[in-house]
Amino acid sequence: MVSEKRQPTLAMKREAAQQRDRTQYGAKRDMILKAAGPVLERNGFDGTTMDAIAKEAGLDRATLYYYFADKGTIFREAMHDGLAELVARLEEVAASGDPPEVRLRNSMRALMRSFEHHYPQLYIYLRSGDSASIIDEHLNRELIASGRRYEDLIEQVVRDGIKQGVFKTSLPPKVFAKAITGMLNWTSRWWVPGGVLDADDVADGMADTILNGVMVR
């Protein structure tokens, strides 16, 4: 008895495409993630549809489903990419060996550039609870770990500055670091890329404000 040949599923085709041409597949994937941003910003997660994302990307629905199973997958992939880039940028600054005041400014620039590059997905997570329903256990663990690492790296800059006699503050280093990260995270409430201030303008303005208050003269 000859068994029927199993037809490839969409997931199997997606995996085959990834293996066949990673560069082209990755470029199309990134384009879709970028196109999803404005749709999510306009409609929120609950109001976003795969049809709307496909239209924004200039694709048909079939092509969109070829790359992503659903809108939740798109959002989670965008979050993963954003978190990975954010932490990598901060790690690079931390390893630079620059003076604490330079590392603090560059850390703030790194954060704002990541927020800009992955706009609005990271901001949607920071300011809204409507994404909580599609954050799975794996992404939740990643969010927690990335958030801790983000704060730890900022705190280390503060500790180095105090130890070297460059910074002076009455706040404990951990609290001071939380004040900095809170200021940066709050930009999700008011900053939009493409306006009068770009990511570096915001970061530098905030860094000037902080450093003018804590630098030992």
N, C-alpha and C. Protein backbone atom coordinates (compact mmCIF):
# COMPACT_ATOMS: atom_id res chain seq x y z
N MET A 1 0.84 -1.19 0.00
CA MET A 1 0.00 0.00 0.00
C MET A 1 0.88 1.24 0.00
N VAL A 2 0.64 2.10 -0.97
CA VAL A 2 1.43 3.32 -1.10
C VAL A 2 0.79 4.43 -0.29
N SER A 3 1.54 4.98 0.61
CA SER A 3 1.00 6.07 1.44
C SER A 3 0.98 7.36 0.66
N GLU A 4 0.02 8.23 1.00
CA GLU A 4 -0.08 9.52 0.34
C GLU A 4 1.09 10.40 0.73
N LYS A 5 1.56 11.15 -0.25
CA LYS A 5 2.65 12.07 0.03
C LYS A 5 2.12 13.24 0.84
N ARG A 6 2.79 13.54 1.94
CA ARG A 6 2.34 14.61 2.82
C ARG A 6 2.56 15.96 2.16
N GLN A 7 1.52 16.77 2.12
CA GLN A 7 1.63 18.10 1.54
C GLN A 7 2.30 19.05 2.52
N PRO A 8 3.23 19.86 2.04
CA PRO A 8 3.91 20.79 2.95
C PRO A 8 2.95 21.83 3.51
N THR A 9 3.05 22.08 4.80
CA THR A 9 2.23 23.10 5.44
C THR A 9 2.87 24.46 5.20
N LEU A 10 2.12 25.54 5.55
CA LEU A 10 2.65 26.88 5.39
C LEU A 10 3.88 27.09 6.27
N ALA A 11 3.84 26.50 7.46
CA ALA A 11 5.00 26.61 8.36
C ALA A 11 6.22 25.93 7.75
N MET A 12 6.00 24.78 7.11
CA MET A 12 7.11 24.07 6.47
C MET A 12 7.67 24.89 5.30
N LYS A 13 6.79 25.51 4.53
CA LYS A 13 7.24 26.35 3.41
C LYS A 13 8.02 27.55 3.93
N ARG A 14 7.55 28.13 5.06
CA ARG A 14 8.22 29.28 5.66
C ARG A 14 9.64 28.90 6.08
N GLU A 15 9.78 27.75 6.69
CA GLU A 15 11.10 27.29 7.14
C GLU A 15 12.00 27.00 5.96
N ALA A 16 11.44 26.42 4.90
CA ALA A 16 12.23 26.12 3.71
C ALA A 16 12.74 27.40 3.06
N ALA A 17 11.89 28.42 3.04
CA ALA A 17 12.30 29.70 2.46
C ALA A 17 13.42 30.34 3.27
N GLN A 18 13.34 30.21 4.59
CA GLN A 18 14.39 30.75 5.45
C GLN A 18 15.72 30.09 5.15
N GLN A 19 15.71 28.78 4.97
CA GLN A 19 16.94 28.04 4.70
C GLN A 19 17.48 28.34 3.31
N ARG A 20 16.58 28.55 2.34
CA ARG A 20 16.98 28.71 0.96
C ARG A 20 17.65 30.06 0.70
N ASP A 21 17.09 31.11 1.24
CA ASP A 21 17.65 32.44 0.98
C ASP A 21 17.43 33.32 2.20
N ARG A 22 18.33 33.18 3.16
CA ARG A 22 18.19 33.90 4.42
C ARG A 22 18.22 35.41 4.23
N THR A 23 19.05 35.90 3.32
CA THR A 23 19.17 37.35 3.14
C THR A 23 17.88 37.95 2.61
N GLN A 24 17.35 37.36 1.53
CA GLN A 24 16.13 37.88 0.93
C GLN A 24 14.95 37.70 1.88
N TYR A 25 14.89 36.55 2.54
CA TYR A 25 13.79 36.30 3.47
C TYR A 25 13.85 37.30 4.62
N GLY A 26 15.05 37.53 5.14
CA GLY A 26 15.21 38.45 6.26
C GLY A 26 14.84 39.87 5.88
N ALA A 27 15.19 40.29 4.66
CA ALA A 27 14.88 41.64 4.22
C ALA A 27 13.37 41.84 4.11
N LYS A 28 12.66 40.85 3.58
CA LYS A 28 11.21 40.95 3.44
C LYS A 28 10.55 40.92 4.82
N ARG A 29 11.07 40.07 5.70
CA ARG A 29 10.56 40.00 7.07
C ARG A 29 10.69 41.35 7.76
N ASP A 30 11.88 41.97 7.64
CA ASP A 30 12.12 43.26 8.29
C ASP A 30 11.21 44.33 7.71
N MET A 31 10.95 44.27 6.42
CA MET A 31 10.07 45.23 5.78
C MET A 31 8.65 45.13 6.34
N ILE A 32 8.20 43.90 6.56
CA ILE A 32 6.86 43.69 7.12
C ILE A 32 6.78 44.21 8.55
N LEU A 33 7.82 43.93 9.34
CA LEU A 33 7.84 44.42 10.72
C LEU A 33 7.79 45.94 10.76
N LYS A 34 8.51 46.57 9.85
CA LYS A 34 8.51 48.04 9.79
C LYS A 34 7.15 48.57 9.36
N ALA A 35 6.54 47.90 8.40
CA ALA A 35 5.22 48.34 7.92
C ALA A 35 4.15 48.17 8.98
N ALA A 36 4.32 47.18 9.86
CA ALA A 36 3.33 46.94 10.91
C ALA A 36 3.31 48.07 11.93
N GLY A 37 4.44 48.78 12.08
CA GLY A 37 4.54 49.83 13.08
C GLY A 37 3.46 50.89 12.98
N PRO A 38 3.32 51.58 11.83
CA PRO A 38 2.29 52.62 11.71
C PRO A 38 0.88 52.09 11.92
N VAL A 39 0.62 50.86 11.51
CA VAL A 39 -0.71 50.28 11.68
C VAL A 39 -1.01 50.07 13.16
N LEU A 40 -0.04 49.54 13.89
CA LEU A 40 -0.20 49.35 15.33
C LEU A 40 -0.37 50.68 16.04
N GLU A 41 0.36 51.69 15.60
CA GLU A 41 0.27 53.01 16.23
C GLU A 41 -1.11 53.63 16.01
N ARG A 42 -1.65 53.47 14.81
CA ARG A 42 -2.96 54.05 14.51
C ARG A 42 -4.10 53.31 15.19
N ASN A 43 -4.01 51.97 15.18
CA ASN A 43 -5.17 51.16 15.57
C ASN A 43 -5.03 50.45 16.91
N GLY A 44 -3.81 50.43 17.49
CA GLY A 44 -3.61 49.61 18.68
C GLY A 44 -3.56 48.14 18.27
N PHE A 45 -3.14 47.29 19.20
CA PHE A 45 -3.02 45.88 18.84
C PHE A 45 -4.38 45.26 18.52
N ASP A 46 -5.36 45.51 19.37
CA ASP A 46 -6.68 44.89 19.17
C ASP A 46 -7.33 45.31 17.86
N GLY A 47 -7.08 46.56 17.45
CA GLY A 47 -7.70 47.07 16.22
C GLY A 47 -6.91 46.79 14.96
N THR A 48 -5.73 46.20 15.10
CA THR A 48 -4.89 45.90 13.94
C THR A 48 -5.27 44.56 13.33
N THR A 49 -5.31 44.50 12.03
CA THR A 49 -5.61 43.25 11.31
C THR A 49 -4.46 42.91 10.37
N MET A 50 -4.41 41.65 10.00
CA MET A 50 -3.40 41.23 9.02
C MET A 50 -3.65 41.90 7.68
N ASP A 51 -4.91 42.14 7.33
CA ASP A 51 -5.22 42.82 6.08
C ASP A 51 -4.62 44.22 6.06
N ALA A 52 -4.74 44.93 7.20
CA ALA A 52 -4.23 46.30 7.27
C ALA A 52 -2.71 46.31 7.16
N ILE A 53 -2.05 45.34 7.79
CA ILE A 53 -0.59 45.26 7.72
C ILE A 53 -0.15 44.93 6.29
N ALA A 54 -0.87 44.00 5.65
CA ALA A 54 -0.54 43.64 4.27
C ALA A 54 -0.67 44.85 3.34
N LYS A 55 -1.72 45.63 3.53
CA LYS A 55 -1.93 46.82 2.70
C LYS A 55 -0.81 47.82 2.92
N GLU A 56 -0.42 48.04 4.18
CA GLU A 56 0.65 48.99 4.49
C GLU A 56 1.98 48.53 3.86
N ALA A 57 2.19 47.22 3.84
CA ALA A 57 3.43 46.66 3.31
C ALA A 57 3.41 46.51 1.79
N GLY A 58 2.24 46.71 1.18
CA GLY A 58 2.12 46.55 -0.26
C GLY A 58 2.15 45.10 -0.69
N LEU A 59 1.62 44.22 0.18
CA LEU A 59 1.61 42.79 -0.10
C LEU A 59 0.19 42.26 -0.07
N ASP A 60 0.00 41.07 -0.62
CA ASP A 60 -1.29 40.42 -0.45
C ASP A 60 -1.27 39.59 0.83
N ARG A 61 -2.45 39.19 1.29
CA ARG A 61 -2.56 38.47 2.56
C ARG A 61 -1.79 37.15 2.54
N ALA A 62 -1.82 36.48 1.40
CA ALA A 62 -1.15 35.19 1.30
C ALA A 62 0.35 35.33 1.54
N THR A 63 0.94 36.39 0.96
CA THR A 63 2.37 36.61 1.16
C THR A 63 2.67 36.94 2.61
N LEU A 64 1.82 37.74 3.24
CA LEU A 64 2.02 38.09 4.65
C LEU A 64 1.99 36.84 5.52
N TYR A 65 1.02 35.97 5.29
CA TYR A 65 0.91 34.74 6.08
C TYR A 65 2.06 33.78 5.79
N TYR A 66 2.69 33.95 4.66
CA TYR A 66 3.85 33.13 4.33
C TYR A 66 5.01 33.43 5.28
N TYR A 67 5.07 34.71 5.75
CA TYR A 67 6.14 35.14 6.64
C TYR A 67 5.76 35.10 8.12
N PHE A 68 4.51 35.37 8.42
CA PHE A 68 4.07 35.42 9.81
C PHE A 68 2.71 34.74 9.97
N ALA A 69 2.58 33.97 11.05
CA ALA A 69 1.35 33.21 11.26
C ALA A 69 0.17 34.11 11.63
N ASP A 70 0.44 35.19 12.37
CA ASP A 70 -0.64 36.08 12.81
C ASP A 70 -0.04 37.39 13.29
N LYS A 71 -0.90 38.34 13.66
CA LYS A 71 -0.41 39.66 14.08
C LYS A 71 0.34 39.57 15.41
N GLY A 72 -0.02 38.62 16.25
CA GLY A 72 0.69 38.42 17.50
C GLY A 72 2.14 38.05 17.27
N THR A 73 2.38 37.21 16.28
CA THR A 73 3.74 36.82 15.93
C THR A 73 4.54 38.02 15.45
N ILE A 74 3.90 38.87 14.66
CA ILE A 74 4.58 40.07 14.16
C ILE A 74 4.98 40.96 15.33
N PHE A 75 4.06 41.18 16.25
CA PHE A 75 4.34 42.04 17.39
C PHE A 75 5.45 41.46 18.26
N ARG A 76 5.38 40.15 18.51
CA ARG A 76 6.40 39.53 19.36
C ARG A 76 7.77 39.53 18.72
N GLU A 77 7.81 39.30 17.40
CA GLU A 77 9.10 39.35 16.69
C GLU A 77 9.70 40.75 16.74
N ALA A 78 8.85 41.77 16.57
CA ALA A 78 9.32 43.15 16.63
C ALA A 78 9.85 43.48 18.02
N MET A 79 9.15 43.02 19.04
CA MET A 79 9.59 43.24 20.41
C MET A 79 10.93 42.57 20.66
N HIS A 80 11.06 41.33 20.21
CA HIS A 80 12.32 40.59 20.39
C HIS A 80 13.48 41.33 19.73
N ASP A 81 13.28 41.75 18.49
CA ASP A 81 14.34 42.46 17.77
C ASP A 81 14.71 43.76 18.48
N GLY A 82 13.70 44.48 18.96
CA GLY A 82 13.94 45.75 19.64
C GLY A 82 14.71 45.57 20.93
N LEU A 83 14.33 44.58 21.71
CA LEU A 83 15.01 44.32 22.98
C LEU A 83 16.45 43.89 22.75
N ALA A 84 16.65 43.01 21.77
CA ALA A 84 18.00 42.53 21.48
C ALA A 84 18.90 43.68 21.06
N GLU A 85 18.40 44.58 20.21
CA GLU A 85 19.21 45.72 19.77
C GLU A 85 19.48 46.67 20.92
N LEU A 86 18.46 46.93 21.74
CA LEU A 86 18.60 47.86 22.86
C LEU A 86 19.71 47.42 23.81
N VAL A 87 19.66 46.15 24.22
CA VAL A 87 20.66 45.64 25.15
C VAL A 87 22.04 45.60 24.50
N ALA A 88 22.11 45.21 23.23
CA ALA A 88 23.40 45.14 22.54
C ALA A 88 24.05 46.52 22.45
N ARG A 89 23.24 47.55 22.17
CA ARG A 89 23.78 48.92 22.12
C ARG A 89 24.34 49.34 23.48
N LEU A 90 23.61 49.02 24.55
CA LEU A 90 24.06 49.38 25.89
C LEU A 90 25.32 48.62 26.29
N GLU A 91 25.38 47.35 25.92
CA GLU A 91 26.57 46.55 26.22
C GLU A 91 27.79 47.14 25.51
N GLU A 92 27.60 47.60 24.29
CA GLU A 92 28.70 48.19 23.53
C GLU A 92 29.21 49.46 24.22
N VAL A 93 28.29 50.29 24.70
CA VAL A 93 28.68 51.50 25.43
C VAL A 93 29.41 51.13 26.71
N ALA A 94 28.90 50.14 27.43
CA ALA A 94 29.50 49.72 28.69
C ALA A 94 30.93 49.24 28.52
N ALA A 95 31.20 48.61 27.38
CA ALA A 95 32.54 48.05 27.13
C ALA A 95 33.50 49.06 26.50
N SER A 96 33.04 50.28 26.28
CA SER A 96 33.85 51.26 25.55
C SER A 96 35.05 51.78 26.34
N GLY A 97 34.95 51.76 27.68
CA GLY A 97 36.02 52.31 28.49
C GLY A 97 36.02 53.82 28.56
N ASP A 98 34.96 54.46 28.04
CA ASP A 98 34.86 55.92 28.09
C ASP A 98 34.61 56.39 29.52
N PRO A 99 34.89 57.66 29.81
CA PRO A 99 34.59 58.21 31.14
C PRO A 99 33.09 58.07 31.45
N PRO A 100 32.72 58.02 32.73
CA PRO A 100 31.31 57.81 33.11
C PRO A 100 30.34 58.81 32.49
N GLU A 101 30.73 60.08 32.43
CA GLU A 101 29.81 61.08 31.87
C GLU A 101 29.56 60.85 30.38
N VAL A 102 30.58 60.34 29.68
CA VAL A 102 30.42 60.04 28.25
C VAL A 102 29.56 58.78 28.09
N ARG A 103 29.81 57.78 28.92
CA ARG A 103 29.02 56.55 28.85
C ARG A 103 27.55 56.80 29.19
N LEU A 104 27.29 57.68 30.15
CA LEU A 104 25.90 57.98 30.49
C LEU A 104 25.19 58.62 29.31
N ARG A 105 25.83 59.60 28.69
CA ARG A 105 25.23 60.25 27.52
C ARG A 105 25.03 59.25 26.38
N ASN A 106 26.05 58.45 26.11
CA ASN A 106 25.95 57.49 25.01
C ASN A 106 24.94 56.39 25.30
N SER A 107 24.78 56.03 26.56
CA SER A 107 23.75 55.05 26.93
C SER A 107 22.36 55.61 26.65
N MET A 108 22.16 56.88 26.97
CA MET A 108 20.86 57.51 26.72
C MET A 108 20.60 57.63 25.22
N ARG A 109 21.65 57.94 24.47
CA ARG A 109 21.50 57.97 23.01
C ARG A 109 21.15 56.57 22.47
N ALA A 110 21.81 55.56 23.00
CA ALA A 110 21.56 54.18 22.55
C ALA A 110 20.11 53.80 22.78
N LEU A 111 19.59 54.16 23.95
CA LEU A 111 18.19 53.84 24.25
C LEU A 111 17.24 54.54 23.29
N MET A 112 17.45 55.84 23.11
CA MET A 112 16.55 56.60 22.24
C MET A 112 16.64 56.14 20.78
N ARG A 113 17.84 55.77 20.35
CA ARG A 113 17.98 55.28 18.97
C ARG A 113 17.25 53.95 18.79
N SER A 114 17.28 53.10 19.81
CA SER A 114 16.55 51.83 19.74
C SER A 114 15.04 52.09 19.72
N PHE A 115 14.58 53.04 20.57
CA PHE A 115 13.16 53.39 20.56
C PHE A 115 12.75 53.91 19.19
N GLU A 116 13.64 54.69 18.56
CA GLU A 116 13.34 55.25 17.24
C GLU A 116 13.31 54.15 16.17
N HIS A 117 14.33 53.28 16.20
CA HIS A 117 14.44 52.24 15.18
C HIS A 117 13.29 51.24 15.25
N HIS A 118 12.81 51.00 16.46
CA HIS A 118 11.73 50.03 16.65
C HIS A 118 10.44 50.71 17.09
N TYR A 119 10.21 51.89 16.52
CA TYR A 119 8.98 52.62 16.78
C TYR A 119 7.85 52.07 15.92
N PRO A 120 6.66 51.88 16.47
CA PRO A 120 6.24 52.20 17.83
C PRO A 120 6.18 50.98 18.76
N GLN A 121 6.66 49.82 18.31
CA GLN A 121 6.42 48.59 19.07
C GLN A 121 6.91 48.68 20.52
N LEU A 122 8.15 49.13 20.73
CA LEU A 122 8.65 49.23 22.10
C LEU A 122 7.83 50.23 22.91
N TYR A 123 7.43 51.31 22.29
CA TYR A 123 6.62 52.32 22.98
C TYR A 123 5.23 51.78 23.31
N ILE A 124 4.66 51.02 22.41
CA ILE A 124 3.34 50.45 22.68
C ILE A 124 3.39 49.58 23.93
N TYR A 125 4.45 48.80 24.04
CA TYR A 125 4.60 47.96 25.24
C TYR A 125 4.74 48.82 26.50
N LEU A 126 5.53 49.89 26.42
CA LEU A 126 5.80 50.71 27.60
C LEU A 126 4.56 51.47 28.08
N ARG A 127 3.72 51.89 27.15
CA ARG A 127 2.63 52.79 27.55
C ARG A 127 1.25 52.15 27.60
N SER A 128 1.14 50.93 27.14
CA SER A 128 -0.19 50.36 27.00
C SER A 128 -0.25 48.93 27.50
N GLY A 129 -1.37 48.60 28.11
CA GLY A 129 -1.57 47.24 28.57
C GLY A 129 -2.25 46.35 27.55
N ASP A 130 -2.61 46.91 26.38
CA ASP A 130 -3.38 46.10 25.43
C ASP A 130 -2.54 45.06 24.72
N SER A 131 -1.21 45.08 24.96
CA SER A 131 -0.35 44.06 24.36
C SER A 131 -0.13 42.88 25.28
N ALA A 132 -0.57 43.01 26.53
CA ALA A 132 -0.25 41.98 27.53
C ALA A 132 -0.81 40.61 27.13
N SER A 133 -1.95 40.59 26.47
CA SER A 133 -2.60 39.33 26.14
C SER A 133 -1.82 38.50 25.13
N ILE A 134 -0.93 39.12 24.36
CA ILE A 134 -0.20 38.36 23.35
C ILE A 134 1.28 38.20 23.70
N ILE A 135 1.66 38.61 24.89
CA ILE A 135 3.03 38.39 25.34
C ILE A 135 3.11 37.00 25.96
N ASP A 136 3.74 36.08 25.27
CA ASP A 136 3.82 34.70 25.76
C ASP A 136 4.89 34.58 26.84
N GLU A 137 5.00 33.39 27.40
CA GLU A 137 5.91 33.18 28.52
C GLU A 137 7.36 33.46 28.13
N HIS A 138 7.74 33.02 26.93
CA HIS A 138 9.12 33.22 26.48
C HIS A 138 9.43 34.71 26.36
N LEU A 139 8.54 35.49 25.72
CA LEU A 139 8.78 36.92 25.56
C LEU A 139 8.73 37.62 26.91
N ASN A 140 7.86 37.18 27.79
CA ASN A 140 7.77 37.79 29.11
C ASN A 140 9.09 37.64 29.86
N ARG A 141 9.69 36.45 29.78
CA ARG A 141 10.99 36.24 30.42
C ARG A 141 12.05 37.15 29.80
N GLU A 142 11.99 37.30 28.47
CA GLU A 142 12.95 38.16 27.78
C GLU A 142 12.76 39.62 28.19
N LEU A 143 11.51 40.04 28.32
CA LEU A 143 11.23 41.41 28.74
C LEU A 143 11.79 41.69 30.13
N ILE A 144 11.57 40.76 31.04
CA ILE A 144 12.05 40.92 32.41
C ILE A 144 13.58 40.97 32.44
N ALA A 145 14.22 40.02 31.74
CA ALA A 145 15.68 39.95 31.73
C ALA A 145 16.29 41.20 31.07
N SER A 146 15.71 41.64 29.96
CA SER A 146 16.23 42.82 29.26
C SER A 146 16.06 44.07 30.10
N GLY A 147 14.89 44.19 30.76
CA GLY A 147 14.65 45.34 31.61
C GLY A 147 15.64 45.42 32.76
N ARG A 148 15.93 44.28 33.37
CA ARG A 148 16.91 44.26 34.46
C ARG A 148 18.30 44.62 33.97
N ARG A 149 18.67 44.06 32.81
CA ARG A 149 20.00 44.34 32.27
C ARG A 149 20.12 45.82 31.90
N TYR A 150 19.09 46.37 31.31
CA TYR A 150 19.03 47.77 30.94
C TYR A 150 19.28 48.65 32.17
N GLU A 151 18.57 48.39 33.26
CA GLU A 151 18.74 49.18 34.47
C GLU A 151 20.10 48.93 35.12
N ASP A 152 20.57 47.68 35.08
CA ASP A 152 21.87 47.37 35.68
C ASP A 152 23.01 48.12 34.99
N LEU A 153 22.94 48.21 33.65
CA LEU A 153 24.00 48.89 32.90
C LEU A 153 24.01 50.39 33.19
N ILE A 154 22.83 50.98 33.31
CA ILE A 154 22.76 52.40 33.66
C ILE A 154 23.27 52.61 35.08
N GLU A 155 22.86 51.71 35.98
CA GLU A 155 23.31 51.82 37.37
C GLU A 155 24.82 51.71 37.48
N GLN A 156 25.43 50.85 36.68
CA GLN A 156 26.88 50.69 36.74
C GLN A 156 27.60 51.97 36.33
N VAL A 157 27.07 52.67 35.35
CA VAL A 157 27.65 53.95 34.95
C VAL A 157 27.58 54.94 36.11
N VAL A 158 26.43 54.97 36.78
CA VAL A 158 26.26 55.88 37.91
C VAL A 158 27.25 55.53 39.01
N ARG A 159 27.39 54.24 39.33
CA ARG A 159 28.32 53.81 40.38
C ARG A 159 29.77 54.18 40.02
N ASP A 160 30.12 53.99 38.76
CA ASP A 160 31.47 54.33 38.32
C ASP A 160 31.72 55.83 38.47
N GLY A 161 30.70 56.63 38.10
CA GLY A 161 30.85 58.07 38.21
C GLY A 161 31.03 58.53 39.65
N ILE A 162 30.28 57.93 40.56
CA ILE A 162 30.40 58.28 41.98
C ILE A 162 31.75 57.82 42.53
N LYS A 163 32.16 56.61 42.17
CA LYS A 163 33.43 56.06 42.65
C LYS A 163 34.61 56.90 42.19
N GLN A 164 34.52 57.39 40.96
CA GLN A 164 35.63 58.18 40.40
C GLN A 164 35.57 59.65 40.80
N GLY A 165 34.56 60.01 41.57
CA GLY A 165 34.43 61.39 42.01
C GLY A 165 33.92 62.34 40.94
N VAL A 166 33.30 61.78 39.91
CA VAL A 166 32.78 62.59 38.81
C VAL A 166 31.34 63.00 39.07
N PHE A 167 30.53 62.08 39.66
CA PHE A 167 29.14 62.36 39.98
C PHE A 167 28.97 62.53 41.48
N LYS A 168 28.04 63.40 41.84
CA LYS A 168 27.66 63.56 43.24
C LYS A 168 26.15 63.65 43.32
N THR A 169 25.53 62.73 44.05
CA THR A 169 24.08 62.72 44.20
C THR A 169 23.71 62.18 45.58
N SER A 170 22.61 62.70 46.14
CA SER A 170 22.15 62.21 47.43
C SER A 170 21.34 60.93 47.30
N LEU A 171 21.01 60.56 46.08
CA LEU A 171 20.23 59.35 45.85
C LEU A 171 21.13 58.12 45.80
N PRO A 172 20.63 56.97 46.27
CA PRO A 172 21.39 55.72 46.06
C PRO A 172 21.53 55.47 44.56
N PRO A 173 22.63 54.85 44.12
CA PRO A 173 22.84 54.61 42.68
C PRO A 173 21.66 53.92 41.98
N LYS A 174 21.08 52.92 42.65
CA LYS A 174 19.97 52.20 42.01
C LYS A 174 18.77 53.12 41.80
N VAL A 175 18.47 53.97 42.77
CA VAL A 175 17.35 54.89 42.64
C VAL A 175 17.63 55.94 41.57
N PHE A 176 18.87 56.42 41.55
CA PHE A 176 19.23 57.41 40.54
C PHE A 176 19.13 56.81 39.14
N ALA A 177 19.57 55.55 38.98
CA ALA A 177 19.47 54.87 37.69
C ALA A 177 18.01 54.71 37.27
N LYS A 178 17.14 54.41 38.24
CA LYS A 178 15.71 54.27 37.92
C LYS A 178 15.11 55.60 37.50
N ALA A 179 15.61 56.71 38.07
CA ALA A 179 15.13 58.03 37.65
C ALA A 179 15.49 58.28 36.19
N ILE A 180 16.69 57.86 35.80
CA ILE A 180 17.13 58.05 34.41
C ILE A 180 16.30 57.18 33.46
N THR A 181 16.16 55.90 33.80
CA THR A 181 15.41 55.00 32.91
C THR A 181 13.93 55.40 32.86
N GLY A 182 13.41 55.88 34.00
CA GLY A 182 12.02 56.34 34.00
C GLY A 182 11.82 57.53 33.08
N MET A 183 12.78 58.45 33.08
CA MET A 183 12.72 59.61 32.19
C MET A 183 12.73 59.17 30.72
N LEU A 184 13.59 58.22 30.41
CA LEU A 184 13.68 57.73 29.04
C LEU A 184 12.41 56.97 28.64
N ASN A 185 11.93 56.11 29.51
CA ASN A 185 10.72 55.33 29.20
C ASN A 185 9.51 56.23 29.01
N TRP A 186 9.46 57.35 29.74
CA TRP A 186 8.30 58.24 29.66
C TRP A 186 8.21 58.94 28.31
N THR A 187 9.30 58.93 27.51
CA THR A 187 9.22 59.52 26.17
C THR A 187 8.18 58.80 25.32
N SER A 188 7.81 57.58 25.73
CA SER A 188 6.77 56.84 25.01
C SER A 188 5.44 57.58 25.03
N ARG A 189 5.29 58.53 25.95
CA ARG A 189 4.03 59.27 26.09
C ARG A 189 3.97 60.51 25.22
N TRP A 190 5.13 60.97 24.73
CA TRP A 190 5.08 62.25 24.03
C TRP A 190 5.97 62.36 22.79
N TRP A 191 6.99 61.51 22.65
CA TRP A 191 7.90 61.69 21.53
C TRP A 191 7.50 60.84 20.33
N VAL A 192 7.59 61.45 19.15
CA VAL A 192 7.30 60.76 17.89
C VAL A 192 8.45 61.03 16.92
N PRO A 193 9.05 60.00 16.34
CA PRO A 193 10.14 60.22 15.36
C PRO A 193 9.68 61.08 14.20
N GLY A 194 10.61 61.84 13.64
CA GLY A 194 10.30 62.67 12.48
C GLY A 194 9.83 64.06 12.84
N GLY A 195 9.82 64.40 14.14
CA GLY A 195 9.39 65.71 14.57
C GLY A 195 10.57 66.68 14.66
N VAL A 196 10.37 67.73 15.45
CA VAL A 196 11.41 68.76 15.61
C VAL A 196 12.66 68.16 16.26
N LEU A 197 12.48 67.28 17.24
CA LEU A 197 13.60 66.66 17.94
C LEU A 197 13.80 65.23 17.46
N ASP A 198 15.04 64.88 17.09
CA ASP A 198 15.30 63.49 16.76
C ASP A 198 15.76 62.76 18.02
N ALA A 199 16.09 61.49 17.89
CA ALA A 199 16.42 60.67 19.05
C ALA A 199 17.61 61.23 19.82
N ASP A 200 18.65 61.65 19.10
CA ASP A 200 19.84 62.19 19.76
C ASP A 200 19.56 63.53 20.44
N ASP A 201 18.68 64.35 19.84
CA ASP A 201 18.32 65.62 20.46
C ASP A 201 17.68 65.39 21.83
N VAL A 202 16.76 64.43 21.88
CA VAL A 202 16.08 64.12 23.14
C VAL A 202 17.07 63.58 24.16
N ALA A 203 17.90 62.62 23.73
CA ALA A 203 18.87 62.02 24.63
C ALA A 203 19.86 63.06 25.15
N ASP A 204 20.37 63.91 24.27
CA ASP A 204 21.36 64.91 24.68
C ASP A 204 20.75 65.95 25.62
N GLY A 205 19.52 66.35 25.34
CA GLY A 205 18.86 67.32 26.22
C GLY A 205 18.67 66.76 27.62
N MET A 206 18.26 65.50 27.69
CA MET A 206 18.09 64.86 28.99
C MET A 206 19.44 64.65 29.68
N ALA A 207 20.44 64.24 28.91
CA ALA A 207 21.77 64.03 29.48
C ALA A 207 22.33 65.34 30.03
N ASP A 208 22.14 66.45 29.29
CA ASP A 208 22.61 67.75 29.77
C ASP A 208 21.95 68.09 31.10
N THR A 209 20.65 67.87 31.19
CA THR A 209 19.91 68.19 32.41
C THR A 209 20.44 67.38 33.59
N ILE A 210 20.66 66.08 33.37
CA ILE A 210 21.14 65.21 34.45
C ILE A 210 22.58 65.55 34.82
N LEU A 211 23.45 65.65 33.83
CA LEU A 211 24.86 65.89 34.10
C LEU A 211 25.10 67.26 34.74
N ASN A 212 24.33 68.25 34.36
CA ASN A 212 24.47 69.57 34.97
C ASN A 212 24.13 69.54 36.45
N GLY A 213 23.31 68.54 36.84
CA GLY A 213 22.92 68.43 38.24
C GLY A 213 23.84 67.57 39.09
N VAL A 214 24.58 66.65 38.45
CA VAL A 214 25.36 65.69 39.26
C VAL A 214 26.87 65.80 39.04
N MET A 215 27.31 66.48 37.99
CA MET A 215 28.74 66.56 37.74
C MET A 215 29.44 67.39 38.83
N VAL A 216 30.55 66.87 39.32
CA VAL A 216 31.36 67.59 40.30
C VAL A 216 32.19 68.64 39.56
N ARG A 217 32.05 69.88 39.95
CA ARG A 217 32.75 70.99 39.28
C ARG A 217 34.06 71.32 39.97
